[in-house]
């Protein structure tokens, strides 16, 4: 995996006046994935289609239809916006009581190691 300085997401300026960075491409891709999943479509002025819309799940019923739509929306967003960075293996969206869980299994493009990003939130 390519080592070196990569821009942090979200972008920020450090105390030294330089842009914040992450140490590895794996960390950068994870931050990009987090940003995509937690952004609702329409939030970005110049990229209105960008986003996975996961935060909307907090305000929706957690029936099978909503879970299926969320899984399809997240899968499409990842394949659209991070296709050159992430080889998507699986997206699992589930709910139990008031807990919503999203588990994304992926490989950083060009890597053979599998990673998981887990997002959980209780809507109570």
C-alpha atoms as a PDB file:
ATOM      1  CA  UNK A   1       0.000   0.000   0.000  1.00  0.00           C
ATOM      2  CA  UNK A   2       1.230   3.440  -0.844  1.00  0.00           C
ATOM      3  CA  UNK A   3       2.682   5.175   2.184  1.00  0.00           C
ATOM      4  CA  UNK A   4       3.176   8.884   2.554  1.00  0.00           C
ATOM      5  CA  UNK A   5       1.086  11.974   3.064  1.00  0.00           C
ATOM      6  CA  UNK A   6      -2.579  11.871   2.059  1.00  0.00           C
ATOM      7  CA  UNK A   7      -5.198  14.575   2.593  1.00  0.00           C
ATOM      8  CA  UNK A   8      -7.527  14.041   5.522  1.00  0.00           C
ATOM      9  CA  UNK A   9     -11.274  13.964   5.047  1.00  0.00           C
ATOM     10  CA  UNK A  10     -12.901  16.117   6.046  1.00  0.00           C
ATOM     11  CA  UNK A  11     -10.291  18.627   4.949  1.00  0.00           C
ATOM     12  CA  UNK A  12      -8.762  20.724   7.712  1.00  0.00           C
ATOM     13  CA  UNK A  13      -5.824  22.961   8.550  1.00  0.00           C
ATOM     14  CA  UNK A  14      -3.387  21.954  11.275  1.00  0.00           C
ATOM     15  CA  UNK A  15      -1.798  24.198  13.895  1.00  0.00           C
ATOM     16  CA  UNK A  16       1.243  24.542  11.623  1.00  0.00           C
ATOM     17  CA  UNK A  17      -0.923  26.084   8.857  1.00  0.00           C
ATOM     18  CA  UNK A  18      -0.615  23.063   6.596  1.00  0.00           C
ATOM     19  CA  UNK A  19      -3.403  20.777   5.465  1.00  0.00           C
ATOM     20  CA  UNK A  20      -4.176  17.868   7.772  1.00  0.00           C
ATOM     21  CA  UNK A  21      -3.197  14.463   6.484  1.00  0.00           C
ATOM     22  CA  UNK A  22      -3.399  10.776   7.233  1.00  0.00           C
ATOM     23  CA  UNK A  23      -0.507   8.333   7.204  1.00  0.00           C
ATOM     24  CA  UNK A  24      -1.862   5.665   4.885  1.00  0.00           C
ATOM     25  CA  UNK A  25      -4.112   5.266   1.903  1.00  0.00           C
ATOM     26  CA  UNK A  26      -6.207   2.775   3.923  1.00  0.00           C
ATOM     27  CA  UNK A  27      -7.038   5.482   6.478  1.00  0.00           C
ATOM     28  CA  UNK A  28      -7.776   7.992   3.740  1.00  0.00           C
ATOM     29  CA  UNK A  29     -10.177   5.599   2.002  1.00  0.00           C
ATOM     30  CA  UNK A  30     -11.921   4.856   5.320  1.00  0.00           C
ATOM     31  CA  UNK A  31     -12.408   8.594   5.908  1.00  0.00           C
ATOM     32  CA  UNK A  32     -13.771   9.014   2.375  1.00  0.00           C
ATOM     33  CA  UNK A  33     -16.162   6.114   2.960  1.00  0.00           C
ATOM     34  CA  UNK A  34     -17.342   7.627   6.260  1.00  0.00           C
ATOM     35  CA  UNK A  35     -17.904  10.981   4.599  1.00  0.00           C
ATOM     36  CA  UNK A  36     -19.922   9.395   1.775  1.00  0.00           C
ATOM     37  CA  UNK A  37     -22.080   7.240   4.046  1.00  0.00           C
ATOM     38  CA  UNK A  38     -22.888  10.057   6.500  1.00  0.00           C
ATOM     39  CA  UNK A  39     -23.671  12.705   3.868  1.00  0.00           C
ATOM     40  CA  UNK A  40     -27.258  12.959   2.664  1.00  0.00           C
ATOM     41  CA  UNK A  41     -27.835  13.528  -1.047  1.00  0.00           C
ATOM     42  CA  UNK A  42     -28.532  17.227  -1.553  1.00  0.00           C
ATOM     43  CA  UNK A  43     -26.278  18.417   1.296  1.00  0.00           C
ATOM     44  CA  UNK A  44     -23.427  19.422  -1.006  1.00  0.00           C
ATOM     45  CA  UNK A  45     -24.185  22.495  -3.046  1.00  0.00           C
ATOM     46  CA  UNK A  46     -22.046  21.622  -6.070  1.00  0.00           C
ATOM     47  CA  UNK A  47     -22.436  17.823  -5.782  1.00  0.00           C
ATOM     48  CA  UNK A  48     -26.139  17.349  -4.993  1.00  0.00           C
ATOM     49  CA  UNK A  49     -26.093  13.637  -5.886  1.00  0.00           C
ATOM     50  CA  UNK A  50     -23.184  12.896  -3.495  1.00  0.00           C
ATOM     51  CA  UNK A  51     -24.053  10.933  -0.389  1.00  0.00           C
ATOM     52  CA  UNK A  52     -25.191   7.622   1.004  1.00  0.00           C
ATOM     53  CA  UNK A  53     -27.997   9.026   3.114  1.00  0.00           C
ATOM     54  CA  UNK A  54     -27.400   6.842   6.170  1.00  0.00           C
ATOM     55  CA  UNK A  55     -28.318   9.605   8.614  1.00  0.00           C
ATOM     56  CA  UNK A  56     -31.843   9.625   7.165  1.00  0.00           C
ATOM     57  CA  UNK A  57     -32.339   6.151   8.655  1.00  0.00           C
ATOM     58  CA  UNK A  58     -32.663   7.779  12.060  1.00  0.00           C
ATOM     59  CA  UNK A  59     -35.914   9.381  10.992  1.00  0.00           C
ATOM     60  CA  UNK A  60     -37.425   6.484   9.042  1.00  0.00           C
ATOM     61  CA  UNK A  61     -39.275   3.392  10.148  1.00  0.00           C
ATOM     62  CA  UNK A  62     -36.939   0.423  10.204  1.00  0.00           C
ATOM     63  CA  UNK A  63     -39.111  -1.988   8.255  1.00  0.00           C
ATOM     64  CA  UNK A  64     -37.795  -4.370   5.594  1.00  0.00           C
ATOM     65  CA  UNK A  65     -38.566  -1.936   2.776  1.00  0.00           C
ATOM     66  CA  UNK A  66     -36.557   0.896   4.363  1.00  0.00           C
ATOM     67  CA  UNK A  67     -33.636  -1.448   5.068  1.00  0.00           C
ATOM     68  CA  UNK A  68     -33.637  -2.678   1.442  1.00  0.00           C
ATOM     69  CA  UNK A  69     -33.730   0.864   0.063  1.00  0.00           C
ATOM     70  CA  UNK A  70     -30.911   1.948   2.401  1.00  0.00           C
ATOM     71  CA  UNK A  71     -28.758  -0.997   1.332  1.00  0.00           C
ATOM     72  CA  UNK A  72     -29.362  -0.272  -2.366  1.00  0.00           C
ATOM     73  CA  UNK A  73     -28.724   3.468  -1.915  1.00  0.00           C
ATOM     74  CA  UNK A  74     -25.465   2.894  -0.029  1.00  0.00           C
ATOM     75  CA  UNK A  75     -24.274   0.288  -2.528  1.00  0.00           C
ATOM     76  CA  UNK A  76     -24.990   2.592  -5.462  1.00  0.00           C
ATOM     77  CA  UNK A  77     -23.316   5.579  -3.783  1.00  0.00           C
ATOM     78  CA  UNK A  78     -20.149   3.633  -3.006  1.00  0.00           C
ATOM     79  CA  UNK A  79     -19.989   2.179  -6.515  1.00  0.00           C
ATOM     80  CA  UNK A  80     -20.582   5.618  -8.038  1.00  0.00           C
ATOM     81  CA  UNK A  81     -18.321   7.826  -5.936  1.00  0.00           C
ATOM     82  CA  UNK A  82     -15.580   5.466  -4.716  1.00  0.00           C
ATOM     83  CA  UNK A  83     -15.403   2.897  -7.522  1.00  0.00           C
ATOM     84  CA  UNK A  84     -11.749   3.676  -8.258  1.00  0.00           C
ATOM     85  CA  UNK A  85     -10.808   3.543  -4.548  1.00  0.00           C
ATOM     86  CA  UNK A  86     -12.915   0.717  -3.092  1.00  0.00           C
ATOM     87  CA  UNK A  87     -13.734  -2.813  -4.199  1.00  0.00           C
ATOM     88  CA  UNK A  88     -17.085  -3.264  -2.482  1.00  0.00           C
ATOM     89  CA  UNK A  89     -17.672  -6.773  -1.143  1.00  0.00           C
ATOM     90  CA  UNK A  90     -20.863  -6.375   0.905  1.00  0.00           C
ATOM     91  CA  UNK A  91     -23.228  -3.845   2.432  1.00  0.00           C
ATOM     92  CA  UNK A  92     -25.352  -5.076   5.324  1.00  0.00           C
ATOM     93  CA  UNK A  93     -28.027  -2.861   6.867  1.00  0.00           C
ATOM     94  CA  UNK A  94     -29.988  -4.188   9.819  1.00  0.00           C
ATOM     95  CA  UNK A  95     -32.055  -3.006  12.725  1.00  0.00           C
ATOM     96  CA  UNK A  96     -32.820  -4.432  16.113  1.00  0.00           C
ATOM     97  CA  UNK A  97     -35.207  -2.477  18.271  1.00  0.00           C
ATOM     98  CA  UNK A  98     -33.968   1.096  18.140  1.00  0.00           C
ATOM     99  CA  UNK A  99     -30.458   0.160  16.944  1.00  0.00           C
ATOM    100  CA  UNK A 100     -29.545   0.624  13.274  1.00  0.00           C
ATOM    101  CA  UNK A 101     -26.368  -1.048  12.050  1.00  0.00           C
ATOM    102  CA  UNK A 102     -24.533  -0.663   8.747  1.00  0.00           C
ATOM    103  CA  UNK A 103     -21.554  -2.918   8.027  1.00  0.00           C
ATOM    104  CA  UNK A 104     -19.615  -2.274   4.826  1.00  0.00           C
ATOM    105  CA  UNK A 105     -17.060  -4.891   3.840  1.00  0.00           C
ATOM    106  CA  UNK A 106     -14.542  -3.720   1.257  1.00  0.00           C
ATOM    107  CA  UNK A 107     -11.006  -3.819  -0.031  1.00  0.00           C
ATOM    108  CA  UNK A 108      -8.989  -0.752  -0.851  1.00  0.00           C
ATOM    109  CA  UNK A 109      -8.449  -0.948  -4.611  1.00  0.00           C
ATOM    110  CA  UNK A 110      -5.256  -2.849  -5.342  1.00  0.00           C
ATOM    111  CA  UNK A 111      -5.110  -4.393  -1.875  1.00  0.00           C
ATOM    112  CA  UNK A 112      -5.791  -7.982  -0.934  1.00  0.00           C
ATOM    113  CA  UNK A 113      -6.734  -7.243   2.677  1.00  0.00           C
ATOM    114  CA  UNK A 114     -10.401  -6.959   3.615  1.00  0.00           C
ATOM    115  CA  UNK A 115     -11.670  -4.149   5.843  1.00  0.00           C
ATOM    116  CA  UNK A 116     -14.975  -3.349   7.480  1.00  0.00           C
ATOM    117  CA  UNK A 117     -16.534  -0.003   8.292  1.00  0.00           C
ATOM    118  CA  UNK A 118     -19.240  -0.250  10.960  1.00  0.00           C
ATOM    119  CA  UNK A 119     -21.805   2.463  11.594  1.00  0.00           C
ATOM    120  CA  UNK A 120     -24.247   2.017  14.477  1.00  0.00           C
ATOM    121  CA  UNK A 121     -26.781   4.375  15.929  1.00  0.00           C
ATOM    122  CA  UNK A 122     -29.634   4.147  18.335  1.00  0.00           C
ATOM    123  CA  UNK A 123     -32.594   6.319  17.411  1.00  0.00           C
ATOM    124  CA  UNK A 124     -33.890   6.557  20.947  1.00  0.00           C
END
